[in-house]
Amino acid sequence: MSIGTSTSNSLAADARSLDALKYATGNDPKAVREAAKQFESLFMRELIKSMREATTKSGLLDSDGEKLGTDLLDQQLSVQLSGLPGGLSDAITRQLTQQIQGRQTPSTLSLAAMGGIGKAPIATTSGQSGFVARHQDAAERVAQETGIPAAFMIGQAGHETGWGRSEIRNADGSSAHNLFGIKATGGWTGKVATVTTTEYVDGQPRKVKAKFRAYDSPEESFRDYARLIGENPRYAQARASTHSAQAYAAQLQKAGYATDPAYARKLGRAIQATQAVQQRLQIT
């Protein structure tokens, strides 16, 4: 079905027009969106009404005509404030769509069920999803032993390797399984892979040859990373910041984990993307 502009631009966002929209939505995305806008409009109208009632009145504008004019103005204002990007109607649209498709069964919409209102959803790719699924088990085993969240480690591994597209490789082309860009320094006596990498000198990117640690498996890389973060005193503040992805990333950069001046921001986004994938895959 189609919904004309007379409904979306109507002066009064009343419950009867809302009920008509609810029953007429069917599987039409446009109709679902319109119903969500009407829900939001009613909510905004009640919010504005409550704000006016909480305002001290002088008594000069309390005539019936003034009250009617104010009510009509509030109705129009509630319509104008509805349907904006990132607003309540976006969350309502998602929940209505889920109900129509049978993924949820609640009979009423509640604000408590609309987590993330006003927040832009984190977009992820199939490559990120595959990377998370591939390394989740190993990261979770290390997380249980060390306390570093699996999402933090996978997110950093994803950022360092371009989600698996740019892994460090041995001279024969095989993977060195170095997911965290850890260099072969600090008395490292294991295998080594020499590659060209980007370092930032005085804020400017430079291509340099560097030696990196090589492992026999991705899980070895996770364990070595966790050992580095857990035992090196300079990462003490990072260890104390695992309550927040952004705080953890900021402390890693502050401790000198990477030379990229934007490392914390990029790593924070990678961890959030990992968490979004885990939620979709229902990984807890």
C-alpha atoms as a PDB file:
ATOM      1  CA  MET A   1       0.000   0.000   0.000  1.00  0.00           C
ATOM      2  CA  SER A   2       1.037   3.637  -0.217  1.00  0.00           C
ATOM      3  CA  ILE A   3       0.581   6.429   2.262  1.00  0.00           C
ATOM      4  CA  GLY A   4      -0.021   9.927   1.032  1.00  0.00           C
ATOM      5  CA  THR A   5       1.683  13.027   2.263  1.00  0.00           C
ATOM      6  CA  SER A   6      -1.542  14.193   3.875  1.00  0.00           C
ATOM      7  CA  THR A   7      -0.952  11.731   6.716  1.00  0.00           C
ATOM      8  CA  SER A   8       2.730  12.457   7.301  1.00  0.00           C
ATOM      9  CA  ASN A   9       2.196  16.211   7.175  1.00  0.00           C
ATOM     10  CA  SER A  10      -1.091  16.286   9.067  1.00  0.00           C
ATOM     11  CA  LEU A  11      -1.410  18.923  11.739  1.00  0.00           C
ATOM     12  CA  ALA A  12      -2.737  16.598  14.420  1.00  0.00           C
ATOM     13  CA  ALA A  13      -0.776  13.432  15.178  1.00  0.00           C
ATOM     14  CA  ASP A  14      -3.709  11.657  16.809  1.00  0.00           C
ATOM     15  CA  ALA A  15      -4.058   8.098  18.059  1.00  0.00           C
ATOM     16  CA  ARG A  16      -6.731   7.153  15.498  1.00  0.00           C
ATOM     17  CA  SER A  17      -4.475   7.897  12.515  1.00  0.00           C
ATOM     18  CA  LEU A  18      -1.712   5.993  14.297  1.00  0.00           C
ATOM     19  CA  ASP A  19      -3.908   2.914  14.764  1.00  0.00           C
ATOM     20  CA  ALA A  20      -4.851   3.021  11.094  1.00  0.00           C
ATOM     21  CA  LEU A  21      -1.196   3.070  10.151  1.00  0.00           C
ATOM     22  CA  LYS A  22      -0.338   0.173  12.465  1.00  0.00           C
ATOM     23  CA  TYR A  23      -2.910  -2.096  10.860  1.00  0.00           C
ATOM     24  CA  ALA A  24      -2.124  -0.943   7.324  1.00  0.00           C
ATOM     25  CA  THR A  25       1.641  -1.433   7.403  1.00  0.00           C
ATOM     26  CA  GLY A  26       1.695  -5.040   6.208  1.00  0.00           C
ATOM     27  CA  ASN A  27       5.151  -5.667   4.773  1.00  0.00           C
ATOM     28  CA  ASP A  28       5.506  -2.238   3.178  1.00  0.00           C
ATOM     29  CA  PRO A  29       8.741  -0.606   4.474  1.00  0.00           C
ATOM     30  CA  LYS A  30       7.380   2.870   3.682  1.00  0.00           C
ATOM     31  CA  ALA A  31       4.258   2.194   5.718  1.00  0.00           C
ATOM     32  CA  VAL A  32       6.328   0.872   8.621  1.00  0.00           C
ATOM     33  CA  ARG A  33       8.442   4.013   8.512  1.00  0.00           C
ATOM     34  CA  GLU A  34       5.335   6.207   8.511  1.00  0.00           C
ATOM     35  CA  ALA A  35       3.893   4.357  11.515  1.00  0.00           C
ATOM     36  CA  ALA A  36       7.188   4.865  13.345  1.00  0.00           C
ATOM     37  CA  LYS A  37       7.075   8.597  12.615  1.00  0.00           C
ATOM     38  CA  GLN A  38       3.546   8.759  14.042  1.00  0.00           C
ATOM     39  CA  PHE A  39       4.661   6.963  17.202  1.00  0.00           C
ATOM     40  CA  GLU A  40       7.509   9.431  17.579  1.00  0.00           C
ATOM     41  CA  SER A  41       5.194  12.372  16.915  1.00  0.00           C
ATOM     42  CA  LEU A  42       2.851  11.306  19.721  1.00  0.00           C
ATOM     43  CA  PHE A  43       5.790  10.878  22.061  1.00  0.00           C
ATOM     44  CA  MET A  44       7.185  14.318  21.181  1.00  0.00           C
ATOM     45  CA  ARG A  45       3.749  15.896  21.648  1.00  0.00           C
ATOM     46  CA  GLU A  46       3.448  14.493  25.171  1.00  0.00           C
ATOM     47  CA  LEU A  47       7.000  15.594  25.937  1.00  0.00           C
ATOM     48  CA  ILE A  48       6.305  19.171  24.803  1.00  0.00           C
ATOM     49  CA  LYS A  49       3.040  19.177  26.752  1.00  0.00           C
ATOM     50  CA  SER A  50       4.849  18.096  29.919  1.00  0.00           C
ATOM     51  CA  MET A  51       7.451  20.815  29.427  1.00  0.00           C
ATOM     52  CA  ARG A  52       4.761  23.479  29.071  1.00  0.00           C
ATOM     53  CA  GLU A  53       2.940  22.262  32.169  1.00  0.00           C
ATOM     54  CA  ALA A  54       6.175  22.463  34.141  1.00  0.00           C
ATOM     55  CA  THR A  55       6.635  26.107  33.134  1.00  0.00           C
ATOM     56  CA  THR A  56       5.380  28.799  35.509  1.00  0.00           C
ATOM     57  CA  LYS A  57       2.310  30.520  34.039  1.00  0.00           C
ATOM     58  CA  SER A  58       1.649  34.251  34.351  1.00  0.00           C
ATOM     59  CA  GLY A  59      -2.100  33.974  33.761  1.00  0.00           C
ATOM     60  CA  LEU A  60      -2.049  36.542  30.932  1.00  0.00           C
ATOM     61  CA  LEU A  61      -2.355  33.952  28.148  1.00  0.00           C
ATOM     62  CA  ASP A  62      -4.717  31.461  29.765  1.00  0.00           C
ATOM     63  CA  SER A  63      -7.803  32.122  27.631  1.00  0.00           C
ATOM     64  CA  ASP A  64      -9.455  29.261  25.742  1.00  0.00           C
ATOM     65  CA  GLY A  65      -8.295  30.736  22.445  1.00  0.00           C
ATOM     66  CA  GLU A  66      -4.689  30.932  23.575  1.00  0.00           C
ATOM     67  CA  LYS A  67      -4.798  27.369  24.891  1.00  0.00           C
ATOM     68  CA  LEU A  68      -6.173  26.116  21.572  1.00  0.00           C
ATOM     69  CA  GLY A  69      -3.488  27.992  19.650  1.00  0.00           C
ATOM     70  CA  THR A  70      -0.755  26.600  21.896  1.00  0.00           C
ATOM     71  CA  ASP A  71      -2.096  23.065  21.507  1.00  0.00           C
ATOM     72  CA  LEU A  72      -2.167  23.364  17.706  1.00  0.00           C
ATOM     73  CA  LEU A  73       1.366  24.774  17.739  1.00  0.00           C
ATOM     74  CA  ASP A  74       2.577  21.872  19.885  1.00  0.00           C
ATOM     75  CA  GLN A  75       0.973  19.374  17.511  1.00  0.00           C
ATOM     76  CA  GLN A  76       2.663  20.951  14.509  1.00  0.00           C
ATOM     77  CA  LEU A  77       5.993  21.138  16.330  1.00  0.00           C
ATOM     78  CA  SER A  78       5.804  17.447  17.259  1.00  0.00           C
ATOM     79  CA  VAL A  79       5.248  16.556  13.592  1.00  0.00           C
ATOM     80  CA  GLN A  80       8.196  18.687  12.472  1.00  0.00           C
ATOM     81  CA  LEU A  81      10.512  17.107  15.052  1.00  0.00           C
ATOM     82  CA  SER A  82       9.608  13.555  14.037  1.00  0.00           C
ATOM     83  CA  GLY A  83      11.369  11.398  11.471  1.00  0.00           C
ATOM     84  CA  LEU A  84      14.782  13.037  11.768  1.00  0.00           C
ATOM     85  CA  PRO A  85      17.850  10.814  11.110  1.00  0.00           C
ATOM     86  CA  GLY A  86      19.056   9.024  14.235  1.00  0.00           C
ATOM     87  CA  GLY A  87      15.860   9.816  16.115  1.00  0.00           C
ATOM     88  CA  LEU A  88      13.325   7.706  17.960  1.00  0.00           C
ATOM     89  CA  SER A  89      11.500   6.756  14.756  1.00  0.00           C
ATOM     90  CA  ASP A  90      14.590   4.890  13.494  1.00  0.00           C
ATOM     91  CA  ALA A  91      14.546   2.643  16.567  1.00  0.00           C
ATOM     92  CA  ILE A  92      10.779   2.156  16.306  1.00  0.00           C
ATOM     93  CA  THR A  93      11.105   1.243  12.618  1.00  0.00           C
ATOM     94  CA  ARG A  94      13.636  -1.466  13.475  1.00  0.00           C
ATOM     95  CA  GLN A  95      11.416  -2.960  16.165  1.00  0.00           C
ATOM     96  CA  LEU A  96       8.237  -2.812  14.069  1.00  0.00           C
ATOM     97  CA  THR A  97      10.060  -4.540  11.217  1.00  0.00           C
ATOM     98  CA  GLN A  98      11.269  -7.271  13.568  1.00  0.00           C
ATOM     99  CA  GLN A  99       7.738  -7.808  14.885  1.00  0.00           C
ATOM    100  CA  ILE A 100       6.291  -8.035  11.376  1.00  0.00           C
ATOM    101  CA  GLN A 101       8.944 -10.559  10.373  1.00  0.00           C
ATOM    102  CA  GLY A 102       8.235 -12.616  13.473  1.00  0.00           C
ATOM    103  CA  ARG A 103      11.605 -12.146  15.168  1.00  0.00           C
ATOM    104  CA  GLN A 104      10.028 -10.449  18.199  1.00  0.00           C
ATOM    105  CA  THR A 105       6.612 -10.879  19.761  1.00  0.00           C
ATOM    106  CA  PRO A 106       5.982  -8.016  22.215  1.00  0.00           C
ATOM    107  CA  SER A 107       2.602  -6.369  21.660  1.00  0.00           C
ATOM    108  CA  THR A 108       3.729  -2.897  22.645  1.00  0.00           C
ATOM    109  CA  LEU A 109       6.758  -0.745  21.970  1.00  0.00           C
ATOM    110  CA  SER A 110       8.804   0.343  24.944  1.00  0.00           C
ATOM    111  CA  LEU A 111      11.687   2.771  25.184  1.00  0.00           C
ATOM    112  CA  ALA A 112      13.610   0.261  27.286  1.00  0.00           C
ATOM    113  CA  ALA A 113      13.596  -2.171  24.360  1.00  0.00           C
ATOM    114  CA  MET A 114      15.102   0.387  22.016  1.00  0.00           C
ATOM    115  CA  GLY A 115      18.737   0.359  23.059  1.00  0.00           C
ATOM    116  CA  GLY A 116      20.944   2.565  20.961  1.00  0.00           C
ATOM    117  CA  ILE A 117      18.381   5.320  20.281  1.00  0.00           C
ATOM    118  CA  GLY A 118      20.182   8.234  18.699  1.00  0.00           C
ATOM    119  CA  LYS A 119      23.329   6.199  18.025  1.00  0.00           C
ATOM    120  CA  ALA A 120      24.417   5.432  14.494  1.00  0.00           C
ATOM    121  CA  PRO A 121      24.701   1.678  13.914  1.00  0.00           C
ATOM    122  CA  ILE A 122      28.230   0.379  13.408  1.00  0.00           C
ATOM    123  CA  ALA A 123      28.650  -0.838   9.839  1.00  0.00           C
ATOM    124  CA  THR A 124      30.706  -4.000   9.429  1.00  0.00           C
ATOM    125  CA  THR A 125      31.800  -6.041   6.427  1.00  0.00           C
ATOM    126  CA  SER A 126      31.700  -9.726   5.582  1.00  0.00           C
ATOM    127  CA  GLY A 127      35.492  -9.727   5.835  1.00  0.00           C
ATOM    128  CA  GLN A 128      35.320  -8.449   9.405  1.00  0.00           C
ATOM    129  CA  SER A 129      32.655 -11.008  10.292  1.00  0.00           C
ATOM    130  CA  GLY A 130      34.754 -13.839   8.883  1.00  0.00           C
ATOM    131  CA  PHE A 131      37.858 -12.637  10.703  1.00  0.00           C
ATOM    132  CA  VAL A 132      36.031 -12.454  14.048  1.00  0.00           C
ATOM    133  CA  ALA A 133      34.485 -15.906  13.619  1.00  0.00           C
ATOM    134  CA  ARG A 134      37.839 -17.388  12.594  1.00  0.00           C
ATOM    135  CA  HIS A 135      39.726 -16.144  15.660  1.00  0.00           C
ATOM    136  CA  GLN A 136      37.007 -16.044  18.316  1.00  0.00           C
ATOM    137  CA  ASP A 137      37.795 -19.402  19.932  1.00  0.00           C
ATOM    138  CA  ALA A 138      41.539 -18.779  20.289  1.00  0.00           C
ATOM    139  CA  ALA A 139      40.996 -15.233  21.554  1.00  0.00           C
ATOM    140  CA  GLU A 140      38.412 -16.401  24.079  1.00  0.00           C
ATOM    141  CA  ARG A 141      40.763 -19.031  25.502  1.00  0.00           C
ATOM    142  CA  VAL A 142      43.473 -16.412  25.978  1.00  0.00           C
ATOM    143  CA  ALA A 143      40.949 -13.926  27.387  1.00  0.00           C
ATOM    144  CA  GLN A 144      39.862 -16.379  30.075  1.00  0.00           C
ATOM    145  CA  GLU A 145      43.478 -16.845  31.120  1.00  0.00           C
ATOM    146  CA  THR A 146      44.555 -13.196  31.042  1.00  0.00           C
ATOM    147  CA  GLY A 147      41.482 -10.994  31.508  1.00  0.00           C
ATOM    148  CA  ILE A 148      42.038  -9.052  28.278  1.00  0.00           C
ATOM    149  CA  PRO A 149      38.651  -9.070  26.485  1.00  0.00           C
ATOM    150  CA  ALA A 150      38.541 -11.229  23.367  1.00  0.00           C
ATOM    151  CA  ALA A 151      36.901  -8.390  21.422  1.00  0.00           C
ATOM    152  CA  PHE A 152      39.816  -6.075  22.250  1.00  0.00           C
ATOM    153  CA  MET A 153      42.378  -8.578  21.002  1.00  0.00           C
ATOM    154  CA  ILE A 154      40.458  -9.540  17.870  1.00  0.00           C
ATOM    155  CA  GLY A 155      39.764  -5.892  17.085  1.00  0.00           C
ATOM    156  CA  GLN A 156      43.443  -5.029  17.375  1.00  0.00           C
ATOM    157  CA  ALA A 157      44.435  -8.054  15.308  1.00  0.00           C
ATOM    158  CA  GLY A 158      41.898  -6.995  12.684  1.00  0.00           C
ATOM    159  CA  HIS A 159      43.242  -3.456  12.608  1.00  0.00           C
ATOM    160  CA  GLU A 160      46.878  -4.579  12.401  1.00  0.00           C
ATOM    161  CA  THR A 161      46.246  -7.051   9.572  1.00  0.00           C
ATOM    162  CA  GLY A 162      43.537  -5.239   7.615  1.00  0.00           C
ATOM    163  CA  TRP A 163      41.114  -7.914   8.835  1.00  0.00           C
ATOM    164  CA  GLY A 164      43.357 -10.634   7.458  1.00  0.00           C
ATOM    165  CA  ARG A 165      44.107  -9.023   4.105  1.00  0.00           C
ATOM    166  CA  SER A 166      47.608  -7.788   5.002  1.00  0.00           C
ATOM    167  CA  GLU A 167      49.102 -10.366   7.320  1.00  0.00           C
ATOM    168  CA  ILE A 168      52.864 -10.462   7.830  1.00  0.00           C
ATOM    169  CA  ARG A 169      54.358 -13.231   5.696  1.00  0.00           C
ATOM    170  CA  ASN A 170      57.510 -15.288   5.746  1.00  0.00           C
ATOM    171  CA  ALA A 171      60.009 -15.245   2.889  1.00  0.00           C
ATOM    172  CA  ASP A 172      58.302 -18.274   1.314  1.00  0.00           C
ATOM    173  CA  GLY A 173      54.934 -16.496   1.292  1.00  0.00           C
ATOM    174  CA  SER A 174      53.410 -18.441   4.170  1.00  0.00           C
ATOM    175  CA  SER A 175      51.717 -16.598   7.011  1.00  0.00           C
ATOM    176  CA  ALA A 176      53.884 -15.634   9.972  1.00  0.00           C
ATOM    177  CA  HIS A 177      50.683 -15.623  12.078  1.00  0.00           C
ATOM    178  CA  ASN A 178      51.806 -12.327  13.620  1.00  0.00           C
ATOM    179  CA  LEU A 179      48.412 -10.685  14.126  1.00  0.00           C
ATOM    180  CA  PHE A 180      49.584  -7.772  16.277  1.00  0.00           C
ATOM    181  CA  GLY A 181      52.615  -6.375  14.475  1.00  0.00           C
ATOM    182  CA  ILE A 182      54.956  -7.321  17.327  1.00  0.00           C
ATOM    183  CA  LYS A 183      58.564  -6.791  16.309  1.00  0.00           C
ATOM    184  CA  ALA A 184      61.401  -9.248  16.938  1.00  0.00           C
ATOM    185  CA  THR A 185      62.974  -7.190  19.710  1.00  0.00           C
ATOM    186  CA  GLY A 186      63.304  -7.565  23.466  1.00  0.00           C
ATOM    187  CA  GLY A 187      65.483 -10.656  23.354  1.00  0.00           C
ATOM    188  CA  TRP A 188      63.219 -12.573  20.968  1.00  0.00           C
ATOM    189  CA  THR A 189      64.859 -15.879  19.993  1.00  0.00           C
ATOM    190  CA  GLY A 190      62.057 -17.370  17.912  1.00  0.00           C
ATOM    191  CA  LYS A 191      61.389 -17.268  14.190  1.00  0.00           C
ATOM    192  CA  VAL A 192      61.526 -13.947  12.352  1.00  0.00           C
ATOM    193  CA  ALA A 193      59.829 -12.479   9.281  1.00  0.00           C
ATOM    194  CA  THR A 194      61.349  -9.410   7.604  1.00  0.00           C
ATOM    195  CA  VAL A 195      58.883  -7.156   5.787  1.00  0.00           C
ATOM    196  CA  THR A 196      58.400  -3.568   4.665  1.00  0.00           C
ATOM    197  CA  THR A 197      56.138  -1.640   7.005  1.00  0.00           C
ATOM    198  CA  THR A 198      54.959   1.915   7.617  1.00  0.00           C
ATOM    199  CA  GLU A 199      56.382   3.850  10.547  1.00  0.00           C
ATOM    200  CA  TYR A 200      55.526   7.418  11.518  1.00  0.00           C
ATOM    201  CA  VAL A 201      58.476   9.747  12.102  1.00  0.00           C
ATOM    202  CA  ASP A 202      57.557  13.235  13.331  1.00  0.00           C
ATOM    203  CA  GLY A 203      53.990  12.491  12.274  1.00  0.00           C
ATOM    204  CA  GLN A 204      54.964  11.576   8.715  1.00  0.00           C
ATOM    205  CA  PRO A 205      54.608   8.021   7.295  1.00  0.00           C
ATOM    206  CA  ARG A 206      57.814   6.306   6.169  1.00  0.00           C
ATOM    207  CA  LYS A 207      58.366   2.912   4.562  1.00  0.00           C
ATOM    208  CA  VAL A 208      61.016   0.896   6.404  1.00  0.00           C
ATOM    209  CA  LYS A 209      62.269  -2.688   6.591  1.00  0.00           C
ATOM    210  CA  ALA A 210      61.640  -4.312   9.960  1.00  0.00           C
ATOM    211  CA  LYS A 211      61.883  -7.730  11.598  1.00  0.00           C
ATOM    212  CA  PHE A 212      58.735  -9.182  13.148  1.00  0.00           C
ATOM    213  CA  ARG A 213      58.093 -12.224  15.290  1.00  0.00           C
ATOM    214  CA  ALA A 214      56.758 -15.319  13.517  1.00  0.00           C
ATOM    215  CA  TYR A 215      54.545 -17.981  15.084  1.00  0.00           C
ATOM    216  CA  ASP A 216      53.304 -21.458  14.264  1.00  0.00           C
ATOM    217  CA  SER A 217      49.635 -20.571  14.779  1.00  0.00           C
ATOM    218  CA  PRO A 218      47.322 -17.591  15.363  1.00  0.00           C
ATOM    219  CA  GLU A 219      46.744 -18.718  18.950  1.00  0.00           C
ATOM    220  CA  GLU A 220      50.475 -18.409  19.638  1.00  0.00           C
ATOM    221  CA  SER A 221      50.212 -14.817  18.443  1.00  0.00           C
ATOM    222  CA  PHE A 222      47.301 -14.103  20.799  1.00  0.00           C
ATOM    223  CA  ARG A 223      49.226 -15.598  23.716  1.00  0.00           C
ATOM    224  CA  ASP A 224      52.402 -13.655  22.967  1.00  0.00           C
ATOM    225  CA  TYR A 225      50.399 -10.425  22.676  1.00  0.00           C
ATOM    226  CA  ALA A 226      48.653 -11.076  25.996  1.00  0.00           C
ATOM    227  CA  ARG A 227      52.011 -11.834  27.606  1.00  0.00           C
ATOM    228  CA  LEU A 228      53.457  -8.567  26.274  1.00  0.00           C
ATOM    229  CA  ILE A 229      50.532  -6.493  27.564  1.00  0.00           C
ATOM    230  CA  GLY A 230      50.379  -8.390  30.845  1.00  0.00           C
ATOM    231  CA  GLU A 231      54.060  -8.358  31.750  1.00  0.00           C
ATOM    232  CA  ASN A 232      55.441  -5.111  30.336  1.00  0.00           C
ATOM    233  CA  PRO A 233      55.147  -2.319  32.950  1.00  0.00           C
ATOM    234  CA  ARG A 234      54.566   0.359  30.331  1.00  0.00           C
ATOM    235  CA  TYR A 235      51.174  -1.199  29.512  1.00  0.00           C
ATOM    236  CA  ALA A 236      49.947  -1.145  33.122  1.00  0.00           C
ATOM    237  CA  GLN A 237      47.436   1.629  32.397  1.00  0.00           C
ATOM    238  CA  ALA A 238      46.095  -0.277  29.402  1.00  0.00           C
ATOM    239  CA  ARG A 239      45.567  -3.349  31.597  1.00  0.00           C
ATOM    240  CA  ALA A 240      43.587  -1.146  33.981  1.00  0.00           C
ATOM    241  CA  SER A 241      41.396   0.215  31.161  1.00  0.00           C
ATOM    242  CA  THR A 242      39.722  -2.926  29.834  1.00  0.00           C
ATOM    243  CA  HIS A 243      36.338  -1.514  30.894  1.00  0.00           C
ATOM    244  CA  SER A 244      36.352   0.732  27.814  1.00  0.00           C
ATOM    245  CA  ALA A 245      37.478   0.052  24.250  1.00  0.00           C
ATOM    246  CA  GLN A 246      38.423   3.680  23.658  1.00  0.00           C
ATOM    247  CA  ALA A 247      40.263   4.014  26.976  1.00  0.00           C
ATOM    248  CA  TYR A 248      42.196   0.809  26.315  1.00  0.00           C
ATOM    249  CA  ALA A 249      43.150   2.000  22.832  1.00  0.00           C
ATOM    250  CA  ALA A 250      44.190   5.414  24.151  1.00  0.00           C
ATOM    251  CA  GLN A 251      46.423   3.876  26.814  1.00  0.00           C
ATOM    252  CA  LEU A 252      48.087   1.581  24.268  1.00  0.00           C
ATOM    253  CA  GLN A 253      48.919   4.566  22.081  1.00  0.00           C
ATOM    254  CA  LYS A 254      50.110   6.584  25.070  1.00  0.00           C
ATOM    255  CA  ALA A 255      52.419   3.717  26.033  1.00  0.00           C
ATOM    256  CA  GLY A 256      53.943   3.735  22.545  1.00  0.00           C
ATOM    257  CA  TYR A 257      52.452   0.552  21.087  1.00  0.00           C
ATOM    258  CA  ALA A 258      52.308   2.166  17.632  1.00  0.00           C
ATOM    259  CA  THR A 259      53.715   5.296  15.994  1.00  0.00           C
ATOM    260  CA  ASP A 260      50.534   6.224  14.089  1.00  0.00           C
ATOM    261  CA  PRO A 261      49.188   9.411  15.749  1.00  0.00           C
ATOM    262  CA  ALA A 262      45.621   8.288  14.987  1.00  0.00           C
ATOM    263  CA  TYR A 263      46.147   4.758  16.312  1.00  0.00           C
ATOM    264  CA  ALA A 264      43.812   5.039  19.309  1.00  0.00           C
ATOM    265  CA  ARG A 265      40.896   6.306  17.222  1.00  0.00           C
ATOM    266  CA  LYS A 266      41.365   3.616  14.569  1.00  0.00           C
ATOM    267  CA  LEU A 267      41.792   0.847  17.135  1.00  0.00           C
ATOM    268  CA  GLY A 268      38.731   1.984  19.074  1.00  0.00           C
ATOM    269  CA  ARG A 269      36.630   1.718  15.914  1.00  0.00           C
ATOM    270  CA  ALA A 270      38.046  -1.741  15.146  1.00  0.00           C
ATOM    271  CA  ILE A 271      37.161  -3.001  18.629  1.00  0.00           C
ATOM    272  CA  GLN A 272      33.645  -1.587  18.342  1.00  0.00           C
ATOM    273  CA  ALA A 273      33.242  -3.295  14.962  1.00  0.00           C
ATOM    274  CA  THR A 274      34.344  -6.573  16.542  1.00  0.00           C
ATOM    275  CA  GLN A 275      31.810  -6.165  19.337  1.00  0.00           C
ATOM    276  CA  ALA A 276      29.077  -5.463  16.778  1.00  0.00           C
ATOM    277  CA  VAL A 277      29.946  -8.644  14.880  1.00  0.00           C
ATOM    278  CA  GLN A 278      30.004 -10.659  18.106  1.00  0.00           C
ATOM    279  CA  GLN A 279      26.536  -9.395  18.984  1.00  0.00           C
ATOM    280  CA  ARG A 280      25.199 -10.382  15.576  1.00  0.00           C
ATOM    281  CA  LEU A 281      26.813 -13.799  15.887  1.00  0.00           C
ATOM    282  CA  GLN A 282      25.430 -13.981  19.446  1.00  0.00           C
ATOM    283  CA  ILE A 283      28.898 -14.453  20.914  1.00  0.00           C
ATOM    284  CA  THR A 284      28.984 -13.566  24.600  1.00  0.00           C
END
